[in-house]
Amino acid sequence: MTGLERASLIALRDCLGVKPDESLLVVTDDELAAIGRALLSAGRTLTDRVLYLEIPARGVPGSEPPPGVAEIMARVSAVVAPTSRSLTHTEARRAACAAGARVATMPGITEDTLVRCLDADVQRIARRADRVAEILTRGKIARVTNPAGTDVTLPIEGIRAIASRGLILEPGQFGNLPSGEAYLMPVEGAAQGTVVVDGAMAAFAAYELGDDPKAMKLDKLYVRNDLHGRGYGSMLMRHVQDQARGHGCTRVYLQVNKNNRSAIEAYLRNGFTVKQTAKLDIGGGFYMDDYVMSKNIGREAGG
């Protein structure tokens, strides 16, 4: 048995508690289908009532799944959802739990994370989470430091910590897998100290809804010169397209200077096409001489 097979079995048998007389639904998307299929195979060793749904990887975290998925989620005993866009805080998940389903969500899970964190003694992890929660609940001050110079104190007296044990065994219960942590919310506005952030911006994008309610404008996209060719620009473009779909848009458009050949080629590689030219007098004898490029992002383009 491979590490992925072991981890998938532990997730369903030990964390989700799937029994032979129960029904199991695996909801995944086209980006995490390999993990979804591993969970499907593991599920079939526990019960013969296993359903598998693969949905398009579209929208933003918290977007509702396609019509019909919520209804199926509410009709089974247990749901496991390895998806690139989180289903944890959706109405579909809430409705499933209200109907009594146990739901384990795995937003953005990778094979490495699944194997490293779930091919383990999950009961021991749960006990450790309980212990850390007890320590936090009894505590008065939490202090966070790091070698870079961060030193922050947070008042936590009188606040009960919550253990996220990674065991989803009761009807209507839900949580993320893998888990095994404890957390609380310190007294708001009372933290003191210094936070040191040691980093540099690799790339950024700015975007906004256009005059056309079905269009999102990619207004700016920059990648640091020494990081060109590493996929950061394409990653940001995918993010903008996901945001656009989440707002109901069917296309993304932009303007790019006609002489910016490297940017034009990057946009072409990512599915944009030149639609028209735009020349704007910006004063002082200078003009913006641009291409207007556009990309359709309907179901076919997004799936």
C-alpha atoms as a PDB file:
ATOM      1  CA  MET A   1       0.000   0.000   0.000  1.00  0.00           C
ATOM      2  CA  THR A   2       1.392   3.405  -0.964  1.00  0.00           C
ATOM      3  CA  GLY A   3       1.558   6.385   1.360  1.00  0.00           C
ATOM      4  CA  LEU A   4      -1.312   8.044  -0.505  1.00  0.00           C
ATOM      5  CA  GLU A   5      -3.443   4.910  -0.213  1.00  0.00           C
ATOM      6  CA  ARG A   6      -2.713   4.599   3.528  1.00  0.00           C
ATOM      7  CA  ALA A   7      -3.411   8.274   4.183  1.00  0.00           C
ATOM      8  CA  SER A   8      -6.689   8.125   2.221  1.00  0.00           C
ATOM      9  CA  LEU A   9      -7.827   5.087   4.199  1.00  0.00           C
ATOM     10  CA  ILE A  10      -6.930   6.703   7.531  1.00  0.00           C
ATOM     11  CA  ALA A  11      -8.805   9.887   6.538  1.00  0.00           C
ATOM     12  CA  LEU A  12     -12.009   7.967   5.840  1.00  0.00           C
ATOM     13  CA  ARG A  13     -11.810   5.148   8.393  1.00  0.00           C
ATOM     14  CA  ASP A  14     -10.297   6.923  11.394  1.00  0.00           C
ATOM     15  CA  CYS A  15     -10.990  10.653  10.876  1.00  0.00           C
ATOM     16  CA  LEU A  16     -14.418  10.437   9.246  1.00  0.00           C
ATOM     17  CA  GLY A  17     -15.457   7.101  10.757  1.00  0.00           C
ATOM     18  CA  VAL A  18     -17.022   5.617   7.619  1.00  0.00           C
ATOM     19  CA  LYS A  19     -18.834   2.352   8.360  1.00  0.00           C
ATOM     20  CA  PRO A  20     -19.970  -0.481   6.013  1.00  0.00           C
ATOM     21  CA  ASP A  21     -23.659   0.444   6.356  1.00  0.00           C
ATOM     22  CA  GLU A  22     -23.067   4.136   5.551  1.00  0.00           C
ATOM     23  CA  SER A  23     -23.034   6.107   2.305  1.00  0.00           C
ATOM     24  CA  LEU A  24     -20.002   8.197   1.340  1.00  0.00           C
ATOM     25  CA  LEU A  25     -19.729  11.032  -1.178  1.00  0.00           C
ATOM     26  CA  VAL A  26     -16.362  12.135  -2.579  1.00  0.00           C
ATOM     27  CA  VAL A  27     -16.578  15.658  -4.058  1.00  0.00           C
ATOM     28  CA  THR A  28     -13.475  16.818  -5.907  1.00  0.00           C
ATOM     29  CA  ASP A  29     -12.594  19.010  -8.879  1.00  0.00           C
ATOM     30  CA  ASP A  30     -10.521  18.671 -12.009  1.00  0.00           C
ATOM     31  CA  GLU A  31      -7.412  20.105 -10.301  1.00  0.00           C
ATOM     32  CA  LEU A  32      -7.426  17.630  -7.388  1.00  0.00           C
ATOM     33  CA  ALA A  33      -8.998  14.644  -9.142  1.00  0.00           C
ATOM     34  CA  ALA A  34      -5.993  12.374  -8.429  1.00  0.00           C
ATOM     35  CA  ILE A  35      -6.551  12.797  -4.688  1.00  0.00           C
ATOM     36  CA  GLY A  36     -10.295  12.412  -5.171  1.00  0.00           C
ATOM     37  CA  ARG A  37      -9.785   9.094  -6.950  1.00  0.00           C
ATOM     38  CA  ALA A  38      -7.455   7.874  -4.179  1.00  0.00           C
ATOM     39  CA  LEU A  39     -10.179   8.622  -1.615  1.00  0.00           C
ATOM     40  CA  LEU A  40     -12.736   6.905  -3.850  1.00  0.00           C
ATOM     41  CA  SER A  41     -10.617   3.736  -3.915  1.00  0.00           C
ATOM     42  CA  ALA A  42     -10.144   3.840  -0.145  1.00  0.00           C
ATOM     43  CA  GLY A  43     -13.863   4.421   0.376  1.00  0.00           C
ATOM     44  CA  ARG A  44     -14.716   1.321  -1.621  1.00  0.00           C
ATOM     45  CA  THR A  45     -12.799  -0.802   0.912  1.00  0.00           C
ATOM     46  CA  LEU A  46     -15.051   0.516   3.694  1.00  0.00           C
ATOM     47  CA  THR A  47     -18.509   0.586   2.115  1.00  0.00           C
ATOM     48  CA  ASP A  48     -20.113  -0.334  -1.181  1.00  0.00           C
ATOM     49  CA  ARG A  49     -22.217   2.846  -1.095  1.00  0.00           C
ATOM     50  CA  VAL A  50     -19.707   5.330  -2.505  1.00  0.00           C
ATOM     51  CA  LEU A  51     -20.506   8.194  -4.875  1.00  0.00           C
ATOM     52  CA  TYR A  52     -17.913  10.263  -6.749  1.00  0.00           C
ATOM     53  CA  LEU A  53     -18.509  13.780  -8.106  1.00  0.00           C
ATOM     54  CA  GLU A  54     -15.901  15.751 -10.044  1.00  0.00           C
ATOM     55  CA  ILE A  55     -16.824  19.408 -10.502  1.00  0.00           C
ATOM     56  CA  PRO A  56     -15.085  22.221 -12.432  1.00  0.00           C
ATOM     57  CA  ALA A  57     -12.411  24.128 -10.493  1.00  0.00           C
ATOM     58  CA  ARG A  58     -14.105  27.502 -10.793  1.00  0.00           C
ATOM     59  CA  GLY A  59     -14.977  30.497  -8.672  1.00  0.00           C
ATOM     60  CA  VAL A  60     -13.333  31.604  -5.430  1.00  0.00           C
ATOM     61  CA  PRO A  61     -13.035  29.891  -2.038  1.00  0.00           C
ATOM     62  CA  GLY A  62     -16.530  29.703  -0.584  1.00  0.00           C
ATOM     63  CA  SER A  63     -18.270  29.615  -3.969  1.00  0.00           C
ATOM     64  CA  GLU A  64     -21.235  27.264  -4.017  1.00  0.00           C
ATOM     65  CA  PRO A  65     -20.769  24.011  -5.957  1.00  0.00           C
ATOM     66  CA  PRO A  66     -22.798  23.436  -9.159  1.00  0.00           C
ATOM     67  CA  PRO A  67     -26.559  22.835  -8.832  1.00  0.00           C
ATOM     68  CA  GLY A  68     -27.426  19.366  -7.605  1.00  0.00           C
ATOM     69  CA  VAL A  69     -24.258  18.819  -5.591  1.00  0.00           C
ATOM     70  CA  ALA A  70     -25.762  20.261  -2.405  1.00  0.00           C
ATOM     71  CA  GLU A  71     -28.765  17.952  -2.684  1.00  0.00           C
ATOM     72  CA  ILE A  72     -26.535  14.872  -2.919  1.00  0.00           C
ATOM     73  CA  MET A  73     -24.354  16.074  -0.032  1.00  0.00           C
ATOM     74  CA  ALA A  74     -27.440  16.269   2.182  1.00  0.00           C
ATOM     75  CA  ARG A  75     -28.501  12.690   1.333  1.00  0.00           C
ATOM     76  CA  VAL A  76     -25.395  10.779   2.403  1.00  0.00           C
ATOM     77  CA  SER A  77     -23.881   9.798   5.738  1.00  0.00           C
ATOM     78  CA  ALA A  78     -20.464  11.329   5.124  1.00  0.00           C
ATOM     79  CA  VAL A  79     -18.799  13.694   2.647  1.00  0.00           C
ATOM     80  CA  VAL A  80     -15.113  14.178   1.910  1.00  0.00           C
ATOM     81  CA  ALA A  81     -14.257  17.156  -0.311  1.00  0.00           C
ATOM     82  CA  PRO A  82     -10.699  17.559  -1.638  1.00  0.00           C
ATOM     83  CA  THR A  83     -11.257  20.689  -3.747  1.00  0.00           C
ATOM     84  CA  SER A  84      -9.030  23.550  -4.881  1.00  0.00           C
ATOM     85  CA  ARG A  85     -11.759  26.040  -3.821  1.00  0.00           C
ATOM     86  CA  SER A  86     -12.937  25.542  -0.260  1.00  0.00           C
ATOM     87  CA  LEU A  87     -16.461  24.225   0.358  1.00  0.00           C
ATOM     88  CA  THR A  88     -16.115  24.648   4.144  1.00  0.00           C
ATOM     89  CA  HIS A  89     -18.178  27.835   4.466  1.00  0.00           C
ATOM     90  CA  THR A  90     -20.808  27.199   1.794  1.00  0.00           C
ATOM     91  CA  GLU A  91     -24.552  26.786   2.123  1.00  0.00           C
ATOM     92  CA  ALA A  92     -24.115  23.335   0.571  1.00  0.00           C
ATOM     93  CA  ARG A  93     -21.926  22.238   3.487  1.00  0.00           C
ATOM     94  CA  ARG A  94     -24.237  23.829   6.052  1.00  0.00           C
ATOM     95  CA  ALA A  95     -27.283  22.106   4.565  1.00  0.00           C
ATOM     96  CA  ALA A  96     -25.492  18.751   4.528  1.00  0.00           C
ATOM     97  CA  CYS A  97     -24.569  19.076   8.205  1.00  0.00           C
ATOM     98  CA  ALA A  98     -28.102  20.189   9.074  1.00  0.00           C
ATOM     99  CA  ALA A  99     -29.326  16.969   7.458  1.00  0.00           C
ATOM    100  CA  GLY A 100     -26.933  14.951   9.642  1.00  0.00           C
ATOM    101  CA  ALA A 101     -24.004  14.361   7.287  1.00  0.00           C
ATOM    102  CA  ARG A 102     -20.436  14.415   8.562  1.00  0.00           C
ATOM    103  CA  VAL A 103     -18.365  16.618   6.252  1.00  0.00           C
ATOM    104  CA  ALA A 104     -14.576  16.660   5.922  1.00  0.00           C
ATOM    105  CA  THR A 105     -13.298  19.413   3.657  1.00  0.00           C
ATOM    106  CA  MET A 106      -9.753  19.448   2.236  1.00  0.00           C
ATOM    107  CA  PRO A 107      -9.325  22.841   0.551  1.00  0.00           C
ATOM    108  CA  GLY A 108      -6.196  23.065  -1.584  1.00  0.00           C
ATOM    109  CA  ILE A 109      -4.848  19.739  -0.312  1.00  0.00           C
ATOM    110  CA  THR A 110      -1.704  18.379  -1.957  1.00  0.00           C
ATOM    111  CA  GLU A 111      -0.579  14.759  -2.121  1.00  0.00           C
ATOM    112  CA  ASP A 112       2.489  15.625  -0.038  1.00  0.00           C
ATOM    113  CA  THR A 113       0.376  17.231   2.707  1.00  0.00           C
ATOM    114  CA  LEU A 114      -2.109  14.363   2.689  1.00  0.00           C
ATOM    115  CA  VAL A 115       0.586  11.712   3.073  1.00  0.00           C
ATOM    116  CA  ARG A 116       2.738  13.668   5.534  1.00  0.00           C
ATOM    117  CA  CYS A 117      -0.119  14.646   7.861  1.00  0.00           C
ATOM    118  CA  LEU A 118      -2.619  11.783   7.629  1.00  0.00           C
ATOM    119  CA  ASP A 119      -0.388   8.721   7.345  1.00  0.00           C
ATOM    120  CA  ALA A 120      -0.131   9.052  11.111  1.00  0.00           C
ATOM    121  CA  ASP A 121      -1.639   8.168  14.487  1.00  0.00           C
ATOM    122  CA  VAL A 122      -4.645  10.491  14.335  1.00  0.00           C
ATOM    123  CA  GLN A 123      -5.804   9.572  17.844  1.00  0.00           C
ATOM    124  CA  ARG A 124      -2.475  10.739  19.240  1.00  0.00           C
ATOM    125  CA  ILE A 125      -2.745  13.953  17.220  1.00  0.00           C
ATOM    126  CA  ALA A 126      -6.237  14.543  18.652  1.00  0.00           C
ATOM    127  CA  ARG A 127      -4.989  14.054  22.208  1.00  0.00           C
ATOM    128  CA  ARG A 128      -2.178  16.523  21.608  1.00  0.00           C
ATOM    129  CA  ALA A 129      -4.635  19.103  20.228  1.00  0.00           C
ATOM    130  CA  ASP A 130      -6.719  18.697  23.393  1.00  0.00           C
ATOM    131  CA  ARG A 131      -3.628  19.212  25.531  1.00  0.00           C
ATOM    132  CA  VAL A 132      -2.575  22.382  23.697  1.00  0.00           C
ATOM    133  CA  ALA A 133      -6.127  23.746  24.015  1.00  0.00           C
ATOM    134  CA  GLU A 134      -6.010  23.141  27.769  1.00  0.00           C
ATOM    135  CA  ILE A 135      -2.700  25.025  28.048  1.00  0.00           C
ATOM    136  CA  LEU A 136      -4.057  27.972  26.076  1.00  0.00           C
ATOM    137  CA  THR A 137      -7.282  28.073  28.109  1.00  0.00           C
ATOM    138  CA  ARG A 138      -5.321  28.235  31.390  1.00  0.00           C
ATOM    139  CA  GLY A 139      -2.926  30.837  30.042  1.00  0.00           C
ATOM    140  CA  LYS A 140      -2.968  34.585  30.618  1.00  0.00           C
ATOM    141  CA  ILE A 141      -0.503  35.898  28.040  1.00  0.00           C
ATOM    142  CA  ALA A 142       0.664  34.408  24.745  1.00  0.00           C
ATOM    143  CA  ARG A 143       4.010  35.582  23.407  1.00  0.00           C
ATOM    144  CA  VAL A 144       5.083  35.148  19.791  1.00  0.00           C
ATOM    145  CA  THR A 145       8.732  35.610  18.802  1.00  0.00           C
ATOM    146  CA  ASN A 146      10.985  34.747  15.889  1.00  0.00           C
ATOM    147  CA  PRO A 147      14.685  35.204  15.027  1.00  0.00           C
ATOM    148  CA  ALA A 148      13.901  38.095  12.655  1.00  0.00           C
ATOM    149  CA  GLY A 149      12.824  40.261  15.590  1.00  0.00           C
ATOM    150  CA  THR A 150       9.094  39.663  15.944  1.00  0.00           C
ATOM    151  CA  ASP A 151       8.067  39.916  19.595  1.00  0.00           C
ATOM    152  CA  VAL A 152       4.338  40.222  20.300  1.00  0.00           C
ATOM    153  CA  THR A 153       2.304  39.626  23.460  1.00  0.00           C
ATOM    154  CA  LEU A 154      -1.399  38.841  23.300  1.00  0.00           C
ATOM    155  CA  PRO A 155      -3.774  38.775  26.305  1.00  0.00           C
ATOM    156  CA  ILE A 156      -5.695  35.467  26.422  1.00  0.00           C
ATOM    157  CA  GLU A 157      -6.871  35.222  30.047  1.00  0.00           C
ATOM    158  CA  GLY A 158     -10.428  33.960  30.426  1.00  0.00           C
ATOM    159  CA  ILE A 159     -10.732  32.844  26.799  1.00  0.00           C
ATOM    160  CA  ARG A 160     -11.478  29.203  26.106  1.00  0.00           C
ATOM    161  CA  ALA A 161      -9.361  27.658  23.383  1.00  0.00           C
ATOM    162  CA  ILE A 162     -10.856  25.285  20.814  1.00  0.00           C
ATOM    163  CA  ALA A 163      -9.223  21.998  19.851  1.00  0.00           C
ATOM    164  CA  SER A 164      -9.504  21.095  16.184  1.00  0.00           C
ATOM    165  CA  ARG A 165      -8.903  17.381  16.677  1.00  0.00           C
ATOM    166  CA  GLY A 166      -9.237  16.124  13.123  1.00  0.00           C
ATOM    167  CA  LEU A 167     -11.898  13.580  14.145  1.00  0.00           C
ATOM    168  CA  ILE A 168     -15.290  14.105  12.487  1.00  0.00           C
ATOM    169  CA  LEU A 169     -17.351  11.310  13.951  1.00  0.00           C
ATOM    170  CA  GLU A 170     -20.691  12.776  15.076  1.00  0.00           C
ATOM    171  CA  PRO A 171     -23.744  13.467  12.858  1.00  0.00           C
ATOM    172  CA  GLY A 172     -23.710  17.050  11.610  1.00  0.00           C
ATOM    173  CA  GLN A 173     -20.055  17.571  12.507  1.00  0.00           C
ATOM    174  CA  PHE A 174     -17.628  19.144  10.029  1.00  0.00           C
ATOM    175  CA  GLY A 175     -14.022  20.228   9.806  1.00  0.00           C
ATOM    176  CA  ASN A 176     -10.928  20.450   7.661  1.00  0.00           C
ATOM    177  CA  LEU A 177      -8.551  17.548   7.150  1.00  0.00           C
ATOM    178  CA  PRO A 178      -5.774  17.184   7.969  1.00  0.00           C
ATOM    179  CA  SER A 179      -6.075  18.887  11.325  1.00  0.00           C
ATOM    180  CA  GLY A 180      -4.701  18.721  14.840  1.00  0.00           C
ATOM    181  CA  GLU A 181      -4.400  22.194  16.299  1.00  0.00           C
ATOM    182  CA  ALA A 182      -5.790  24.474  18.984  1.00  0.00           C
ATOM    183  CA  TYR A 183      -6.779  28.087  18.591  1.00  0.00           C
ATOM    184  CA  LEU A 184      -8.439  31.042  20.271  1.00  0.00           C
ATOM    185  CA  MET A 185      -9.101  34.718  19.594  1.00  0.00           C
ATOM    186  CA  PRO A 186      -7.030  36.995  21.889  1.00  0.00           C
ATOM    187  CA  VAL A 187      -8.504  40.158  23.384  1.00  0.00           C
ATOM    188  CA  GLU A 188      -9.150  42.365  20.381  1.00  0.00           C
ATOM    189  CA  GLY A 189      -7.030  45.519  20.129  1.00  0.00           C
ATOM    190  CA  ALA A 190      -4.842  44.625  23.112  1.00  0.00           C
ATOM    191  CA  ALA A 191      -1.852  42.977  21.408  1.00  0.00           C
ATOM    192  CA  GLN A 192       1.462  44.775  21.904  1.00  0.00           C
ATOM    193  CA  GLY A 193       4.856  44.430  20.295  1.00  0.00           C
ATOM    194  CA  THR A 194       6.568  44.295  16.942  1.00  0.00           C
ATOM    195  CA  VAL A 195       5.960  42.124  13.892  1.00  0.00           C
ATOM    196  CA  VAL A 196       8.878  41.876  11.457  1.00  0.00           C
ATOM    197  CA  VAL A 197       8.082  40.848   7.900  1.00  0.00           C
ATOM    198  CA  ASP A 198      11.167  39.871   5.919  1.00  0.00           C
ATOM    199  CA  GLY A 199      10.092  39.547   2.310  1.00  0.00           C
ATOM    200  CA  ALA A 200       9.780  41.189  -1.070  1.00  0.00           C
ATOM    201  CA  MET A 201       6.849  41.457  -3.419  1.00  0.00           C
ATOM    202  CA  ALA A 202       7.254  39.036  -6.316  1.00  0.00           C
ATOM    203  CA  ALA A 203       4.259  40.170  -8.347  1.00  0.00           C
ATOM    204  CA  PHE A 204       0.897  41.853  -8.077  1.00  0.00           C
ATOM    205  CA  ALA A 205      -2.271  42.404 -10.052  1.00  0.00           C
ATOM    206  CA  ALA A 206      -5.010  45.035  -9.858  1.00  0.00           C
ATOM    207  CA  TYR A 207      -8.429  44.466 -11.345  1.00  0.00           C
ATOM    208  CA  GLU A 208     -11.924  45.946 -11.259  1.00  0.00           C
ATOM    209  CA  LEU A 209     -15.369  45.432 -12.696  1.00  0.00           C
ATOM    210  CA  GLY A 210     -15.695  47.208 -16.032  1.00  0.00           C
ATOM    211  CA  ASP A 211     -18.558  49.208 -17.482  1.00  0.00           C
ATOM    212  CA  ASP A 212     -19.933  45.946 -18.827  1.00  0.00           C
ATOM    213  CA  PRO A 213     -21.255  44.032 -15.768  1.00  0.00           C
ATOM    214  CA  LYS A 214     -20.166  40.781 -17.423  1.00  0.00           C
ATOM    215  CA  ALA A 215     -16.552  41.932 -17.825  1.00  0.00           C
ATOM    216  CA  MET A 216     -13.638  42.272 -15.403  1.00  0.00           C
ATOM    217  CA  LYS A 217     -10.792  44.627 -16.301  1.00  0.00           C
ATOM    218  CA  LEU A 218      -7.246  43.505 -15.530  1.00  0.00           C
ATOM    219  CA  ASP A 219      -5.865  46.966 -14.837  1.00  0.00           C
ATOM    220  CA  LYS A 220      -2.292  46.179 -13.805  1.00  0.00           C
ATOM    221  CA  LEU A 221      -0.099  43.093 -13.695  1.00  0.00           C
ATOM    222  CA  TYR A 222       3.582  43.304 -12.781  1.00  0.00           C
ATOM    223  CA  VAL A 223       6.176  40.597 -12.119  1.00  0.00           C
ATOM    224  CA  ARG A 224       9.593  41.449 -10.725  1.00  0.00           C
ATOM    225  CA  ASN A 225      12.177  41.329 -13.530  1.00  0.00           C
ATOM    226  CA  ASP A 226      14.343  38.626 -11.963  1.00  0.00           C
ATOM    227  CA  LEU A 227      11.290  36.387 -11.539  1.00  0.00           C
ATOM    228  CA  HIS A 228      10.056  36.422 -15.130  1.00  0.00           C
ATOM    229  CA  GLY A 229       9.409  32.999 -16.626  1.00  0.00           C
ATOM    230  CA  ARG A 230       8.487  31.277 -13.355  1.00  0.00           C
ATOM    231  CA  GLY A 231       4.729  31.260 -13.827  1.00  0.00           C
ATOM    232  CA  TYR A 232       3.818  34.082 -11.430  1.00  0.00           C
ATOM    233  CA  GLY A 233       2.079  36.092 -14.157  1.00  0.00           C
ATOM    234  CA  SER A 234       0.000  33.107 -15.268  1.00  0.00           C
ATOM    235  CA  MET A 235      -0.900  32.362 -11.651  1.00  0.00           C
ATOM    236  CA  LEU A 236      -2.131  35.926 -11.143  1.00  0.00           C
ATOM    237  CA  MET A 237      -4.127  35.785 -14.384  1.00  0.00           C
ATOM    238  CA  ARG A 238      -5.836  32.606 -13.197  1.00  0.00           C
ATOM    239  CA  HIS A 239      -6.628  34.330  -9.909  1.00  0.00           C
ATOM    240  CA  VAL A 240      -8.188  37.304 -11.704  1.00  0.00           C
ATOM    241  CA  GLN A 241     -10.250  34.957 -13.866  1.00  0.00           C
ATOM    242  CA  ASP A 242     -11.496  33.116 -10.761  1.00  0.00           C
ATOM    243  CA  GLN A 243     -12.459  36.432  -9.178  1.00  0.00           C
ATOM    244  CA  ALA A 244     -14.250  37.450 -12.365  1.00  0.00           C
ATOM    245  CA  ARG A 245     -16.255  34.217 -12.457  1.00  0.00           C
ATOM    246  CA  GLY A 246     -17.145  34.729  -8.805  1.00  0.00           C
ATOM    247  CA  HIS A 247     -18.703  38.074  -9.802  1.00  0.00           C
ATOM    248  CA  GLY A 248     -20.639  36.496 -12.668  1.00  0.00           C
ATOM    249  CA  CYS A 249     -18.352  37.830 -15.404  1.00  0.00           C
ATOM    250  CA  THR A 250     -17.865  35.954 -18.661  1.00  0.00           C
ATOM    251  CA  ARG A 251     -14.719  37.702 -19.899  1.00  0.00           C
ATOM    252  CA  VAL A 252     -11.590  39.505 -18.745  1.00  0.00           C
ATOM    253  CA  TYR A 253     -10.053  42.342 -20.751  1.00  0.00           C
ATOM    254  CA  LEU A 254      -6.984  44.575 -20.539  1.00  0.00           C
ATOM    255  CA  GLN A 255      -4.948  47.204 -22.352  1.00  0.00           C
ATOM    256  CA  VAL A 256      -1.267  46.728 -23.136  1.00  0.00           C
ATOM    257  CA  ASN A 257       1.202  48.971 -24.923  1.00  0.00           C
ATOM    258  CA  LYS A 258       1.814  47.873 -28.507  1.00  0.00           C
ATOM    259  CA  ASN A 259       5.581  47.902 -27.909  1.00  0.00           C
ATOM    260  CA  ASN A 260       5.452  45.657 -24.832  1.00  0.00           C
ATOM    261  CA  ARG A 261       6.105  42.454 -26.778  1.00  0.00           C
ATOM    262  CA  SER A 262       6.943  40.261 -23.782  1.00  0.00           C
ATOM    263  CA  ALA A 263       3.659  41.139 -22.046  1.00  0.00           C
ATOM    264  CA  ILE A 264       1.643  40.673 -25.239  1.00  0.00           C
ATOM    265  CA  GLU A 265       3.180  37.237 -25.788  1.00  0.00           C
ATOM    266  CA  ALA A 266       2.429  36.263 -22.186  1.00  0.00           C
ATOM    267  CA  TYR A 267      -1.202  37.297 -22.567  1.00  0.00           C
ATOM    268  CA  LEU A 268      -1.468  35.391 -25.852  1.00  0.00           C
ATOM    269  CA  ARG A 269      -0.064  32.254 -24.180  1.00  0.00           C
ATOM    270  CA  ASN A 270      -2.742  32.586 -21.515  1.00  0.00           C
ATOM    271  CA  GLY A 271      -5.609  32.698 -23.997  1.00  0.00           C
ATOM    272  CA  PHE A 272      -6.092  36.430 -24.575  1.00  0.00           C
ATOM    273  CA  THR A 273      -6.627  37.746 -28.086  1.00  0.00           C
ATOM    274  CA  VAL A 274      -6.300  41.233 -29.562  1.00  0.00           C
ATOM    275  CA  LYS A 275      -9.742  42.755 -30.095  1.00  0.00           C
ATOM    276  CA  GLN A 276      -8.974  46.359 -31.072  1.00  0.00           C
ATOM    277  CA  THR A 277      -6.519  49.238 -30.737  1.00  0.00           C
ATOM    278  CA  ALA A 278      -6.828  52.233 -28.431  1.00  0.00           C
ATOM    279  CA  LYS A 279      -4.948  55.523 -28.799  1.00  0.00           C
ATOM    280  CA  LEU A 280      -5.339  58.094 -26.046  1.00  0.00           C
ATOM    281  CA  ASP A 281      -3.873  61.609 -25.918  1.00  0.00           C
ATOM    282  CA  ILE A 282      -2.374  61.999 -22.437  1.00  0.00           C
ATOM    283  CA  GLY A 283      -1.030  65.508 -23.039  1.00  0.00           C
ATOM    284  CA  GLY A 284       2.357  67.020 -23.727  1.00  0.00           C
ATOM    285  CA  GLY A 285       2.472  65.466 -27.142  1.00  0.00           C
ATOM    286  CA  PHE A 286       2.356  61.945 -25.715  1.00  0.00           C
ATOM    287  CA  TYR A 287      -0.090  59.173 -26.545  1.00  0.00           C
ATOM    288  CA  MET A 288      -1.003  55.813 -25.078  1.00  0.00           C
ATOM    289  CA  ASP A 289      -0.973  53.474 -28.070  1.00  0.00           C
ATOM    290  CA  ASP A 290      -2.393  50.182 -26.824  1.00  0.00           C
ATOM    291  CA  TYR A 291      -3.958  46.914 -27.813  1.00  0.00           C
ATOM    292  CA  VAL A 292      -7.204  45.945 -26.118  1.00  0.00           C
ATOM    293  CA  MET A 293      -7.032  42.213 -25.397  1.00  0.00           C
ATOM    294  CA  SER A 294      -9.824  39.990 -24.124  1.00  0.00           C
ATOM    295  CA  LYS A 295     -10.416  36.418 -22.968  1.00  0.00           C
ATOM    296  CA  ASN A 296     -13.707  34.571 -22.594  1.00  0.00           C
ATOM    297  CA  ILE A 297     -13.925  32.723 -19.277  1.00  0.00           C
ATOM    298  CA  GLY A 298     -17.158  30.760 -19.586  1.00  0.00           C
ATOM    299  CA  ARG A 299     -17.491  27.113 -18.538  1.00  0.00           C
ATOM    300  CA  GLU A 300     -15.314  25.777 -21.353  1.00  0.00           C
ATOM    301  CA  ALA A 301     -12.563  28.325 -20.787  1.00  0.00           C
ATOM    302  CA  GLY A 302     -12.596  27.740 -17.026  1.00  0.00           C
ATOM    303  CA  GLY A 303     -12.839  23.951 -16.985  1.00  0.00           C
END
